[in-house]
């Protein structure tokens, strides 16, 4: 038996598990290969959709689905937190169950949003005038704030690189332009886009010098 263990059931871990099951379908059917995915959260958040939530284009219920439903039925889902990995023994240790043995270990645990690491960002005004849209809670708070916004300056600021998607803040600016136009208040809103990038995207052909200022 070949045991494949994946830490993380986000987009990367889920895609990897399903593709491996497709690749080794015959071995899985003969119980020669097992695929186990571990994650501490039972809900899968479709992260690209968070960009649209602040503008009322998507709701929480449309973005969060059970992780189990995103995985093929032949893939085992284990909900739990990984304490540590014993590489020598080839075991993944969780607090409330026996260790999971592996022949192949894939780490797809992803990243955490930690705005508190930017000095002053989470001080007075955080969640009231200053927001992020990279988490479900942050996108919901921003949605509620934008719904009450009647005019003034909106600043979209990339604090530093790298970030998950370099183009997302620019897309947010375009959506904000559309959103305030639809509400009939675009002429009362000054949208400022601040970026350390020299172009809209670091990849060609969009990395050509940008006219945006």
N, C-alpha and C. Protein backbone atom coordinates (compact mmCIF):
# COMPACT_ATOMS: atom_id res chain seq x y z
N UNK A 1 0.85 -1.20 0.00
CA UNK A 1 0.00 0.00 0.00
C UNK A 1 0.88 1.25 0.00
N UNK A 2 0.61 2.15 -0.93
CA UNK A 2 1.28 3.44 -0.97
C UNK A 2 0.34 4.48 -0.37
N UNK A 3 0.80 5.13 0.69
CA UNK A 3 -0.01 6.12 1.39
C UNK A 3 0.43 7.53 1.01
N UNK A 4 -0.49 8.28 0.40
CA UNK A 4 -0.24 9.68 0.05
C UNK A 4 -1.02 10.55 1.02
N UNK A 5 -0.31 11.42 1.72
CA UNK A 5 -0.95 12.32 2.68
C UNK A 5 -0.72 13.76 2.23
N UNK A 6 -1.80 14.53 2.21
CA UNK A 6 -1.74 15.94 1.81
C UNK A 6 -2.17 16.79 2.99
N UNK A 7 -1.33 17.70 3.41
CA UNK A 7 -1.67 18.63 4.49
C UNK A 7 -2.23 19.89 3.86
N UNK A 8 -3.52 20.14 4.09
CA UNK A 8 -4.17 21.31 3.51
C UNK A 8 -5.19 20.94 2.46
N UNK A 9 -6.42 21.38 2.67
CA UNK A 9 -7.50 21.09 1.72
C UNK A 9 -8.01 22.37 1.07
N UNK A 10 -7.09 23.30 0.87
CA UNK A 10 -7.46 24.50 0.11
C UNK A 10 -7.49 24.19 -1.37
N UNK A 11 -7.36 25.22 -2.18
CA UNK A 11 -7.42 25.01 -3.63
C UNK A 11 -6.32 24.06 -4.10
N UNK A 12 -5.08 24.30 -3.65
CA UNK A 12 -3.96 23.48 -4.10
C UNK A 12 -4.10 22.04 -3.62
N UNK A 13 -4.39 21.85 -2.33
CA UNK A 13 -4.50 20.51 -1.79
C UNK A 13 -5.64 19.72 -2.40
N UNK A 14 -6.76 20.39 -2.63
CA UNK A 14 -7.94 19.73 -3.22
C UNK A 14 -7.67 19.31 -4.66
N UNK A 15 -7.10 20.22 -5.44
CA UNK A 15 -6.79 19.90 -6.84
C UNK A 15 -5.78 18.77 -6.91
N UNK A 16 -4.76 18.82 -6.07
CA UNK A 16 -3.74 17.77 -6.08
C UNK A 16 -4.34 16.42 -5.72
N UNK A 17 -5.20 16.38 -4.70
CA UNK A 17 -5.82 15.12 -4.28
C UNK A 17 -6.67 14.53 -5.40
N UNK A 18 -7.47 15.35 -6.03
CA UNK A 18 -8.35 14.85 -7.09
C UNK A 18 -7.57 14.42 -8.34
N UNK A 19 -6.51 15.14 -8.65
CA UNK A 19 -5.70 14.76 -9.81
C UNK A 19 -4.93 13.47 -9.54
N UNK A 20 -4.43 13.31 -8.32
CA UNK A 20 -3.72 12.08 -7.98
C UNK A 20 -4.67 10.89 -8.01
N UNK A 21 -5.90 11.10 -7.56
CA UNK A 21 -6.88 10.02 -7.60
C UNK A 21 -7.14 9.62 -9.05
N UNK A 22 -7.23 10.62 -9.95
CA UNK A 22 -7.45 10.33 -11.36
C UNK A 22 -6.24 9.60 -11.95
N UNK A 23 -5.04 10.04 -11.56
CA UNK A 23 -3.82 9.45 -12.09
C UNK A 23 -3.65 7.99 -11.63
N UNK A 24 -4.00 7.74 -10.37
CA UNK A 24 -3.83 6.40 -9.79
C UNK A 24 -5.16 5.72 -9.54
N UNK A 25 -6.12 5.96 -10.42
CA UNK A 25 -7.47 5.42 -10.21
C UNK A 25 -7.46 3.90 -10.06
N UNK A 26 -6.71 3.22 -10.89
CA UNK A 26 -6.68 1.75 -10.83
C UNK A 26 -6.08 1.27 -9.52
N UNK A 27 -5.00 1.91 -9.09
CA UNK A 27 -4.35 1.51 -7.84
C UNK A 27 -5.24 1.80 -6.64
N UNK A 28 -5.96 2.93 -6.69
CA UNK A 28 -6.87 3.26 -5.59
C UNK A 28 -8.01 2.24 -5.54
N UNK A 29 -8.53 1.87 -6.69
CA UNK A 29 -9.63 0.89 -6.74
C UNK A 29 -9.19 -0.46 -6.20
N UNK A 30 -7.91 -0.81 -6.42
CA UNK A 30 -7.40 -2.10 -5.93
C UNK A 30 -6.86 -1.98 -4.50
N UNK A 31 -7.04 -0.81 -3.89
CA UNK A 31 -6.55 -0.53 -2.53
C UNK A 31 -5.03 -0.68 -2.41
N UNK A 32 -4.36 -0.34 -3.49
CA UNK A 32 -2.91 -0.33 -3.48
C UNK A 32 -2.37 1.06 -3.15
N UNK A 33 -3.22 2.05 -3.31
CA UNK A 33 -2.85 3.44 -3.02
C UNK A 33 -3.99 4.10 -2.25
N UNK A 34 -3.62 4.86 -1.23
CA UNK A 34 -4.61 5.64 -0.48
C UNK A 34 -4.22 7.11 -0.51
N UNK A 35 -5.23 7.96 -0.56
CA UNK A 35 -5.00 9.41 -0.57
C UNK A 35 -5.78 10.02 0.59
N UNK A 36 -5.05 10.68 1.49
CA UNK A 36 -5.66 11.29 2.67
C UNK A 36 -5.35 12.78 2.67
N UNK A 37 -6.37 13.60 2.91
CA UNK A 37 -6.20 15.06 2.99
C UNK A 37 -6.57 15.51 4.40
N UNK A 38 -5.71 16.34 4.99
CA UNK A 38 -5.93 16.83 6.35
C UNK A 38 -6.15 18.33 6.32
N UNK A 39 -7.15 18.79 7.04
CA UNK A 39 -7.37 20.23 7.19
C UNK A 39 -8.14 20.48 8.48
N UNK A 40 -7.88 21.61 9.10
CA UNK A 40 -8.54 21.93 10.36
C UNK A 40 -9.90 22.56 10.20
N UNK A 41 -10.27 22.90 8.98
CA UNK A 41 -11.54 23.58 8.72
C UNK A 41 -12.36 22.74 7.74
N UNK A 42 -13.63 22.55 8.05
CA UNK A 42 -14.49 21.74 7.18
C UNK A 42 -15.06 22.53 6.01
N UNK A 43 -14.92 23.84 6.02
CA UNK A 43 -15.48 24.67 4.96
C UNK A 43 -14.41 25.15 3.99
N UNK A 44 -14.64 24.93 2.70
CA UNK A 44 -13.73 25.38 1.66
C UNK A 44 -14.19 26.74 1.15
N UNK A 45 -13.33 27.74 1.25
CA UNK A 45 -13.65 29.09 0.77
C UNK A 45 -13.08 29.28 -0.62
N UNK A 46 -13.94 29.64 -1.57
CA UNK A 46 -13.48 29.93 -2.93
C UNK A 46 -12.88 31.34 -2.92
N UNK A 47 -11.56 31.41 -2.73
CA UNK A 47 -10.91 32.69 -2.48
C UNK A 47 -11.03 33.72 -3.61
N UNK A 48 -10.98 33.32 -4.90
CA UNK A 48 -11.14 34.34 -5.94
C UNK A 48 -12.45 35.11 -5.83
N UNK A 49 -13.47 34.49 -5.24
CA UNK A 49 -14.76 35.15 -5.11
C UNK A 49 -14.79 36.24 -4.06
N UNK A 50 -13.78 36.26 -3.17
CA UNK A 50 -13.75 37.29 -2.12
C UNK A 50 -13.65 38.69 -2.71
N UNK A 51 -13.04 38.81 -3.88
CA UNK A 51 -12.91 40.10 -4.55
C UNK A 51 -14.27 40.70 -4.88
N UNK A 52 -15.26 39.85 -5.14
CA UNK A 52 -16.57 40.33 -5.58
C UNK A 52 -17.55 40.56 -4.42
N UNK A 53 -17.22 40.02 -3.26
CA UNK A 53 -18.11 40.14 -2.11
C UNK A 53 -18.33 41.58 -1.64
N UNK A 54 -17.30 42.42 -1.58
CA UNK A 54 -17.50 43.79 -1.11
C UNK A 54 -18.49 44.59 -1.97
N UNK A 55 -18.72 44.15 -3.20
CA UNK A 55 -19.61 44.88 -4.10
C UNK A 55 -20.98 44.21 -4.23
N UNK A 56 -21.25 43.26 -3.36
CA UNK A 56 -22.56 42.61 -3.33
C UNK A 56 -22.81 41.67 -4.49
N UNK A 57 -21.75 41.28 -5.20
CA UNK A 57 -21.92 40.40 -6.35
C UNK A 57 -21.95 38.92 -5.97
N UNK A 58 -21.39 38.59 -4.82
CA UNK A 58 -21.42 37.23 -4.29
C UNK A 58 -21.65 37.29 -2.79
N UNK A 59 -22.30 36.26 -2.26
CA UNK A 59 -22.56 36.18 -0.82
C UNK A 59 -21.76 35.05 -0.21
N UNK A 60 -21.68 35.05 1.13
CA UNK A 60 -20.91 34.03 1.83
C UNK A 60 -21.33 32.62 1.43
N UNK A 61 -22.63 32.39 1.35
CA UNK A 61 -23.14 31.06 1.03
C UNK A 61 -22.72 30.56 -0.34
N UNK A 62 -22.39 31.48 -1.23
CA UNK A 62 -21.94 31.09 -2.57
C UNK A 62 -20.45 30.77 -2.60
N UNK A 63 -19.73 31.20 -1.58
CA UNK A 63 -18.28 31.04 -1.57
C UNK A 63 -17.79 29.91 -0.68
N UNK A 64 -18.59 29.51 0.29
CA UNK A 64 -18.17 28.48 1.24
C UNK A 64 -18.94 27.19 0.99
N UNK A 65 -18.20 26.13 0.71
CA UNK A 65 -18.79 24.82 0.48
C UNK A 65 -18.09 23.80 1.37
N UNK A 66 -18.76 22.68 1.70
CA UNK A 66 -18.09 21.64 2.49
C UNK A 66 -16.87 21.09 1.77
N UNK A 67 -15.76 20.98 2.48
CA UNK A 67 -14.54 20.45 1.87
C UNK A 67 -14.76 19.03 1.35
N UNK A 68 -15.54 18.26 2.08
CA UNK A 68 -15.77 16.87 1.70
C UNK A 68 -16.38 16.78 0.30
N UNK A 69 -17.24 17.73 -0.05
CA UNK A 69 -17.90 17.70 -1.35
C UNK A 69 -16.96 18.10 -2.49
N UNK A 70 -15.85 18.73 -2.17
CA UNK A 70 -14.91 19.14 -3.20
C UNK A 70 -13.92 18.02 -3.54
N UNK A 71 -13.89 17.00 -2.68
CA UNK A 71 -12.94 15.90 -2.87
C UNK A 71 -13.64 14.68 -3.45
N UNK A 72 -12.94 13.94 -4.29
CA UNK A 72 -13.50 12.71 -4.84
C UNK A 72 -13.82 11.74 -3.71
N UNK A 73 -14.83 10.93 -3.91
CA UNK A 73 -15.27 10.02 -2.85
C UNK A 73 -14.19 9.02 -2.45
N UNK A 74 -13.21 8.77 -3.32
CA UNK A 74 -12.13 7.84 -3.00
C UNK A 74 -11.03 8.50 -2.16
N UNK A 75 -11.12 9.81 -1.97
CA UNK A 75 -10.13 10.53 -1.16
C UNK A 75 -10.67 10.64 0.26
N UNK A 76 -9.85 10.30 1.23
CA UNK A 76 -10.24 10.38 2.64
C UNK A 76 -9.95 11.77 3.19
N UNK A 77 -10.95 12.39 3.80
CA UNK A 77 -10.76 13.71 4.40
C UNK A 77 -10.70 13.56 5.91
N UNK A 78 -9.65 14.10 6.51
CA UNK A 78 -9.48 14.07 7.96
C UNK A 78 -9.49 15.51 8.46
N UNK A 79 -10.44 15.83 9.32
CA UNK A 79 -10.46 17.17 9.90
C UNK A 79 -9.64 17.16 11.18
N UNK A 80 -8.60 17.97 11.19
CA UNK A 80 -7.74 18.02 12.36
C UNK A 80 -6.57 18.95 12.13
N UNK A 81 -5.87 19.26 13.21
CA UNK A 81 -4.70 20.13 13.17
C UNK A 81 -3.43 19.30 13.29
N UNK A 82 -2.50 19.54 12.42
CA UNK A 82 -1.24 18.79 12.44
C UNK A 82 -0.34 19.36 13.54
N UNK A 83 0.05 18.48 14.47
CA UNK A 83 0.98 18.89 15.52
C UNK A 83 2.41 18.97 14.99
N UNK A 84 2.84 17.88 14.37
CA UNK A 84 4.17 17.86 13.79
C UNK A 84 4.29 16.70 12.81
N UNK A 85 5.32 16.76 12.00
CA UNK A 85 5.62 15.71 11.04
C UNK A 85 6.93 15.05 11.43
N UNK A 86 6.91 13.73 11.59
CA UNK A 86 8.11 12.95 11.86
C UNK A 86 8.60 12.41 10.52
N UNK A 87 9.56 13.12 9.94
CA UNK A 87 10.03 12.75 8.60
C UNK A 87 10.74 11.40 8.63
N UNK A 88 11.52 11.17 9.68
CA UNK A 88 12.26 9.91 9.77
C UNK A 88 11.32 8.71 9.84
N UNK A 89 10.26 8.85 10.64
CA UNK A 89 9.30 7.75 10.80
C UNK A 89 8.22 7.78 9.72
N UNK A 90 8.20 8.86 8.92
CA UNK A 90 7.19 9.05 7.88
C UNK A 90 5.79 9.01 8.49
N UNK A 91 5.58 9.89 9.45
CA UNK A 91 4.29 9.97 10.13
C UNK A 91 3.87 11.43 10.32
N UNK A 92 2.57 11.65 10.15
CA UNK A 92 1.97 12.96 10.45
C UNK A 92 1.20 12.79 11.76
N UNK A 93 1.52 13.65 12.73
CA UNK A 93 0.92 13.53 14.06
C UNK A 93 -0.16 14.58 14.26
N UNK A 94 -1.34 14.11 14.70
CA UNK A 94 -2.46 14.96 15.05
C UNK A 94 -2.77 14.75 16.53
N UNK A 95 -3.39 15.72 17.20
CA UNK A 95 -3.56 15.62 18.65
C UNK A 95 -4.54 14.56 19.12
N UNK A 96 -5.53 14.19 18.33
CA UNK A 96 -6.61 13.36 18.85
C UNK A 96 -6.79 12.04 18.11
N UNK A 97 -5.73 11.56 17.44
CA UNK A 97 -5.85 10.32 16.70
C UNK A 97 -4.46 9.72 16.49
N UNK A 98 -4.38 8.45 16.13
CA UNK A 98 -3.07 7.84 15.88
C UNK A 98 -2.37 8.54 14.72
N UNK A 99 -1.05 8.48 14.67
CA UNK A 99 -0.30 9.10 13.56
C UNK A 99 -0.71 8.51 12.21
N UNK A 100 -0.64 9.33 11.18
CA UNK A 100 -0.95 8.90 9.83
C UNK A 100 0.37 8.61 9.11
N UNK A 101 0.56 7.36 8.70
CA UNK A 101 1.77 6.99 7.99
C UNK A 101 1.71 7.48 6.54
N UNK A 102 2.85 7.86 6.00
CA UNK A 102 2.88 8.29 4.61
C UNK A 102 4.12 7.75 3.89
N UNK A 103 3.94 7.50 2.62
CA UNK A 103 5.06 7.24 1.72
C UNK A 103 5.39 8.50 0.94
N UNK A 104 4.34 9.27 0.65
CA UNK A 104 4.49 10.56 -0.03
C UNK A 104 3.74 11.60 0.78
N UNK A 105 4.41 12.70 1.11
CA UNK A 105 3.78 13.79 1.86
C UNK A 105 3.80 15.05 1.01
N UNK A 106 2.62 15.67 0.87
CA UNK A 106 2.50 16.93 0.13
C UNK A 106 2.02 18.00 1.11
N UNK A 107 2.78 19.06 1.23
CA UNK A 107 2.40 20.16 2.12
C UNK A 107 1.76 21.27 1.29
N UNK A 108 0.46 21.47 1.50
CA UNK A 108 -0.29 22.51 0.79
C UNK A 108 -1.09 23.30 1.81
N UNK A 109 -0.41 23.67 2.89
CA UNK A 109 -1.09 24.33 4.01
C UNK A 109 -1.41 25.79 3.75
N UNK A 110 -0.88 26.34 2.67
CA UNK A 110 -1.27 27.70 2.29
C UNK A 110 -0.65 28.78 3.16
N UNK A 111 -1.29 29.94 3.16
CA UNK A 111 -0.79 31.10 3.89
C UNK A 111 -1.87 31.63 4.83
N UNK A 112 -1.44 32.46 5.76
CA UNK A 112 -2.37 33.13 6.65
C UNK A 112 -2.30 34.63 6.40
N UNK A 113 -3.44 35.29 6.51
CA UNK A 113 -3.47 36.75 6.40
C UNK A 113 -3.15 37.32 7.76
N UNK A 114 -2.05 38.07 7.86
CA UNK A 114 -1.61 38.62 9.15
C UNK A 114 -1.40 40.13 9.03
N UNK A 115 -2.49 40.90 8.95
CA UNK A 115 -2.36 42.36 8.81
C UNK A 115 -1.66 43.01 10.00
N UNK A 116 -1.66 42.35 11.15
CA UNK A 116 -1.02 42.93 12.33
C UNK A 116 0.50 43.05 12.17
N UNK A 117 1.07 42.37 11.19
CA UNK A 117 2.50 42.46 10.96
C UNK A 117 2.90 43.76 10.26
N UNK A 118 1.91 44.50 9.74
CA UNK A 118 2.17 45.82 9.18
C UNK A 118 1.92 46.86 10.26
N UNK A 119 2.95 47.54 10.67
CA UNK A 119 2.86 48.46 11.81
C UNK A 119 1.75 49.51 11.60
N UNK A 120 0.87 49.59 12.58
CA UNK A 120 -0.19 50.59 12.57
C UNK A 120 -1.44 50.21 11.81
N UNK A 121 -1.38 49.17 10.99
CA UNK A 121 -2.52 48.84 10.13
C UNK A 121 -3.75 48.44 10.94
N UNK A 122 -3.56 47.66 11.97
CA UNK A 122 -4.70 47.17 12.74
C UNK A 122 -4.96 48.03 13.97
N UNK A 123 -4.50 49.26 13.95
CA UNK A 123 -4.75 50.19 15.05
C UNK A 123 -6.13 50.79 14.95
N UNK A 124 -6.32 52.00 15.49
CA UNK A 124 -7.63 52.65 15.44
C UNK A 124 -8.16 52.75 14.01
N UNK A 125 -9.41 52.37 13.81
CA UNK A 125 -10.03 52.42 12.49
C UNK A 125 -10.03 51.10 11.76
N UNK A 126 -9.32 50.10 12.29
CA UNK A 126 -9.30 48.80 11.62
C UNK A 126 -10.68 48.17 11.66
N UNK A 127 -11.19 47.75 10.52
CA UNK A 127 -12.53 47.19 10.44
C UNK A 127 -13.62 48.25 10.39
N UNK A 128 -13.21 49.53 10.43
CA UNK A 128 -14.16 50.64 10.36
C UNK A 128 -13.87 51.53 9.16
N UNK A 129 -12.58 51.90 9.00
CA UNK A 129 -12.17 52.71 7.85
C UNK A 129 -11.07 52.02 7.04
N UNK A 130 -10.43 51.04 7.65
CA UNK A 130 -9.33 50.32 7.01
C UNK A 130 -9.70 48.84 6.94
N UNK A 131 -9.53 48.23 5.76
CA UNK A 131 -10.04 46.88 5.55
C UNK A 131 -9.09 46.06 4.68
N UNK A 132 -9.34 44.76 4.66
CA UNK A 132 -8.74 43.85 3.68
C UNK A 132 -9.87 42.99 3.12
N UNK A 133 -9.66 42.42 1.93
CA UNK A 133 -10.69 41.56 1.35
C UNK A 133 -10.14 40.18 1.02
N UNK A 134 -9.11 39.76 1.75
CA UNK A 134 -8.49 38.46 1.52
C UNK A 134 -9.00 37.39 2.47
N UNK A 135 -9.95 37.75 3.33
CA UNK A 135 -10.60 36.78 4.20
C UNK A 135 -12.11 36.98 4.09
N UNK A 136 -12.86 35.97 4.48
CA UNK A 136 -14.32 36.05 4.42
C UNK A 136 -14.84 37.16 5.32
N UNK A 137 -14.32 37.23 6.53
CA UNK A 137 -14.75 38.26 7.48
C UNK A 137 -14.37 39.65 6.98
N UNK A 138 -13.14 39.79 6.45
CA UNK A 138 -12.70 41.08 5.95
C UNK A 138 -13.53 41.57 4.78
N UNK A 139 -13.85 40.67 3.85
CA UNK A 139 -14.66 41.03 2.69
C UNK A 139 -16.07 41.43 3.11
N UNK A 140 -16.63 40.75 4.13
CA UNK A 140 -17.98 41.07 4.61
C UNK A 140 -18.00 42.44 5.28
N UNK A 141 -16.98 42.73 6.08
CA UNK A 141 -16.90 44.05 6.74
C UNK A 141 -16.77 45.18 5.71
N UNK A 142 -15.96 44.93 4.70
CA UNK A 142 -15.78 45.94 3.65
C UNK A 142 -17.07 46.15 2.87
N UNK A 143 -17.79 45.08 2.61
CA UNK A 143 -19.08 45.18 1.92
C UNK A 143 -20.03 46.09 2.68
N UNK A 144 -20.13 45.87 3.99
CA UNK A 144 -21.03 46.67 4.81
C UNK A 144 -20.61 48.13 4.84
N UNK A 145 -19.28 48.37 4.87
CA UNK A 145 -18.79 49.75 4.91
C UNK A 145 -19.03 50.46 3.58
N UNK A 146 -18.79 49.77 2.46
CA UNK A 146 -19.00 50.39 1.15
C UNK A 146 -20.47 50.70 0.90
N UNK A 147 -21.36 49.88 1.45
CA UNK A 147 -22.79 50.12 1.27
C UNK A 147 -23.22 51.43 1.92
N UNK A 148 -22.48 51.85 2.97
CA UNK A 148 -22.81 53.09 3.69
C UNK A 148 -22.00 54.27 3.17
N UNK A 149 -21.04 54.01 2.31
CA UNK A 149 -20.13 55.06 1.82
C UNK A 149 -20.87 55.95 0.82
N UNK A 150 -20.84 57.25 1.07
CA UNK A 150 -21.57 58.18 0.21
C UNK A 150 -20.66 59.17 -0.53
N UNK A 151 -19.37 59.09 -0.26
CA UNK A 151 -18.46 60.00 -0.95
C UNK A 151 -17.18 60.20 -0.16
N UNK A 152 -16.12 60.62 -0.87
CA UNK A 152 -14.83 60.83 -0.23
C UNK A 152 -13.74 60.12 -1.01
N UNK A 153 -12.64 59.83 -0.34
CA UNK A 153 -11.50 59.19 -1.00
C UNK A 153 -11.42 57.72 -0.62
N UNK A 154 -11.31 56.87 -1.64
CA UNK A 154 -11.08 55.44 -1.44
C UNK A 154 -9.65 55.15 -1.91
N UNK A 155 -8.82 54.64 -0.99
CA UNK A 155 -7.43 54.33 -1.31
C UNK A 155 -7.26 52.81 -1.33
N UNK A 156 -6.79 52.28 -2.45
CA UNK A 156 -6.44 50.87 -2.55
C UNK A 156 -4.92 50.81 -2.51
N UNK A 157 -4.37 50.24 -1.45
CA UNK A 157 -2.94 50.30 -1.20
C UNK A 157 -2.34 48.91 -1.06
N UNK A 158 -1.34 48.59 -1.87
CA UNK A 158 -0.56 47.36 -1.70
C UNK A 158 0.58 47.70 -0.77
N UNK A 159 0.53 47.15 0.45
CA UNK A 159 1.51 47.53 1.46
C UNK A 159 2.91 47.11 1.03
N UNK A 160 3.07 45.83 0.67
CA UNK A 160 4.37 45.37 0.20
C UNK A 160 4.18 44.06 -0.55
N UNK A 161 5.19 43.68 -1.29
CA UNK A 161 5.17 42.43 -2.03
C UNK A 161 5.94 41.38 -1.24
N UNK A 162 5.65 40.08 -1.44
CA UNK A 162 4.64 39.57 -2.39
C UNK A 162 3.26 39.52 -1.76
N UNK A 163 2.24 39.49 -2.62
CA UNK A 163 0.88 39.27 -2.17
C UNK A 163 0.30 38.12 -3.00
N UNK A 164 -0.86 37.60 -2.58
CA UNK A 164 -1.41 36.42 -3.24
C UNK A 164 -1.64 36.62 -4.73
N UNK A 165 -2.23 37.74 -5.08
CA UNK A 165 -2.53 38.01 -6.49
C UNK A 165 -2.23 39.47 -6.78
N UNK A 166 -1.13 39.77 -7.48
CA UNK A 166 -0.75 41.16 -7.73
C UNK A 166 -1.82 41.97 -8.46
N UNK A 167 -2.68 41.31 -9.23
CA UNK A 167 -3.67 42.04 -10.02
C UNK A 167 -4.95 42.32 -9.23
N UNK A 168 -5.20 41.58 -8.16
CA UNK A 168 -6.47 41.72 -7.43
C UNK A 168 -6.75 43.15 -6.96
N UNK A 169 -5.78 43.88 -6.39
CA UNK A 169 -6.08 45.26 -5.98
C UNK A 169 -6.49 46.16 -7.15
N UNK A 170 -5.87 45.95 -8.31
CA UNK A 170 -6.24 46.73 -9.49
C UNK A 170 -7.65 46.36 -9.94
N UNK A 171 -7.96 45.07 -9.91
CA UNK A 171 -9.31 44.63 -10.24
C UNK A 171 -10.31 45.24 -9.26
N UNK A 172 -9.91 45.35 -8.01
CA UNK A 172 -10.78 45.98 -7.01
C UNK A 172 -11.06 47.43 -7.39
N UNK A 173 -10.04 48.14 -7.87
CA UNK A 173 -10.23 49.53 -8.28
C UNK A 173 -11.22 49.64 -9.42
N UNK A 174 -11.11 48.73 -10.39
CA UNK A 174 -12.05 48.76 -11.52
C UNK A 174 -13.47 48.46 -11.05
N UNK A 175 -13.60 47.48 -10.16
CA UNK A 175 -14.93 47.14 -9.64
C UNK A 175 -15.51 48.29 -8.82
N UNK A 176 -14.64 48.98 -8.07
CA UNK A 176 -15.11 50.13 -7.29
C UNK A 176 -15.63 51.23 -8.21
N UNK A 177 -14.92 51.46 -9.31
CA UNK A 177 -15.37 52.45 -10.29
C UNK A 177 -16.77 52.09 -10.80
N UNK A 178 -16.95 50.81 -11.15
CA UNK A 178 -18.27 50.34 -11.62
C UNK A 178 -19.32 50.46 -10.53
N UNK A 179 -18.97 50.06 -9.33
CA UNK A 179 -19.90 50.02 -8.20
C UNK A 179 -20.45 51.41 -7.88
N UNK A 180 -19.55 52.38 -7.79
CA UNK A 180 -20.00 53.73 -7.45
C UNK A 180 -20.74 54.39 -8.62
N UNK A 181 -20.39 53.99 -9.85
CA UNK A 181 -21.12 54.47 -11.01
C UNK A 181 -22.56 53.95 -10.98
N UNK A 182 -22.72 52.66 -10.66
CA UNK A 182 -24.05 52.06 -10.56
C UNK A 182 -24.89 52.73 -9.49
N UNK A 183 -24.25 53.16 -8.43
CA UNK A 183 -24.97 53.82 -7.34
C UNK A 183 -25.22 55.31 -7.61
N UNK A 184 -24.64 55.81 -8.68
CA UNK A 184 -24.84 57.21 -9.04
C UNK A 184 -24.04 58.20 -8.22
N UNK A 185 -22.96 57.75 -7.59
CA UNK A 185 -22.15 58.65 -6.74
C UNK A 185 -20.69 58.69 -7.19
N UNK A 186 -20.40 58.19 -8.40
CA UNK A 186 -19.01 58.13 -8.84
C UNK A 186 -18.34 59.48 -8.82
N UNK A 187 -19.07 60.54 -9.13
CA UNK A 187 -18.48 61.87 -9.16
C UNK A 187 -18.14 62.39 -7.77
N UNK A 188 -18.60 61.70 -6.74
CA UNK A 188 -18.30 62.12 -5.36
C UNK A 188 -17.23 61.24 -4.71
N UNK A 189 -16.65 60.33 -5.50
CA UNK A 189 -15.65 59.41 -4.96
C UNK A 189 -14.32 59.56 -5.70
N UNK A 190 -13.26 59.79 -4.94
CA UNK A 190 -11.90 59.86 -5.50
C UNK A 190 -11.23 58.51 -5.22
N UNK A 191 -10.93 57.76 -6.28
CA UNK A 191 -10.31 56.45 -6.14
C UNK A 191 -8.81 56.57 -6.40
N UNK A 192 -8.00 56.21 -5.41
CA UNK A 192 -6.54 56.26 -5.53
C UNK A 192 -5.97 54.86 -5.41
N UNK A 193 -5.16 54.47 -6.39
CA UNK A 193 -4.55 53.15 -6.42
C UNK A 193 -3.05 53.30 -6.19
N UNK A 194 -2.56 52.71 -5.10
CA UNK A 194 -1.15 52.83 -4.72
C UNK A 194 -0.49 51.46 -4.84
N UNK A 195 0.60 51.37 -5.61
CA UNK A 195 1.24 50.08 -5.85
C UNK A 195 2.75 50.22 -5.99
N UNK A 196 3.51 49.25 -5.50
CA UNK A 196 4.96 49.24 -5.73
C UNK A 196 5.33 48.66 -7.09
N UNK A 197 4.34 48.14 -7.83
CA UNK A 197 4.61 47.52 -9.12
C UNK A 197 4.75 48.59 -10.22
N UNK A 198 5.59 48.30 -11.19
CA UNK A 198 5.76 49.21 -12.31
C UNK A 198 4.74 48.96 -13.41
N UNK A 199 3.99 47.86 -13.30
CA UNK A 199 3.02 47.48 -14.32
C UNK A 199 1.84 46.80 -13.64
N UNK A 200 0.70 46.69 -14.34
CA UNK A 200 -0.47 46.05 -13.73
C UNK A 200 -0.21 44.62 -13.29
N UNK A 201 0.67 43.90 -13.99
CA UNK A 201 0.96 42.52 -13.66
C UNK A 201 2.44 42.25 -13.91
N UNK A 202 3.06 41.38 -13.10
CA UNK A 202 4.47 41.08 -13.33
C UNK A 202 4.71 40.15 -14.50
N UNK A 203 3.65 39.65 -15.15
CA UNK A 203 3.79 38.70 -16.24
C UNK A 203 3.51 39.38 -17.58
N UNK A 204 4.23 38.97 -18.63
CA UNK A 204 3.95 39.55 -19.96
C UNK A 204 2.61 39.05 -20.46
N UNK A 205 1.90 39.80 -21.37
CA UNK A 205 2.34 41.11 -21.89
C UNK A 205 1.90 42.27 -21.01
N UNK A 206 1.23 41.97 -19.89
CA UNK A 206 0.69 43.03 -19.04
C UNK A 206 1.76 43.75 -18.23
N UNK A 207 3.02 43.28 -18.30
CA UNK A 207 4.04 43.94 -17.52
C UNK A 207 4.70 45.12 -18.24
N UNK A 208 4.18 45.45 -19.42
CA UNK A 208 4.66 46.64 -20.11
C UNK A 208 4.37 47.87 -19.26
N UNK A 209 5.14 48.94 -19.37
CA UNK A 209 4.92 50.13 -18.55
C UNK A 209 3.46 50.56 -18.59
N UNK A 210 2.92 50.85 -17.41
CA UNK A 210 1.50 51.15 -17.29
C UNK A 210 1.24 52.65 -17.33
N UNK A 211 0.17 53.08 -18.00
CA UNK A 211 -0.20 54.50 -17.99
C UNK A 211 -0.92 54.89 -16.72
N UNK A 212 -1.25 53.90 -15.87
CA UNK A 212 -1.99 54.18 -14.65
C UNK A 212 -1.10 54.89 -13.66
N UNK A 213 -1.61 55.91 -13.01
CA UNK A 213 -0.82 56.66 -12.00
C UNK A 213 -1.64 56.79 -10.73
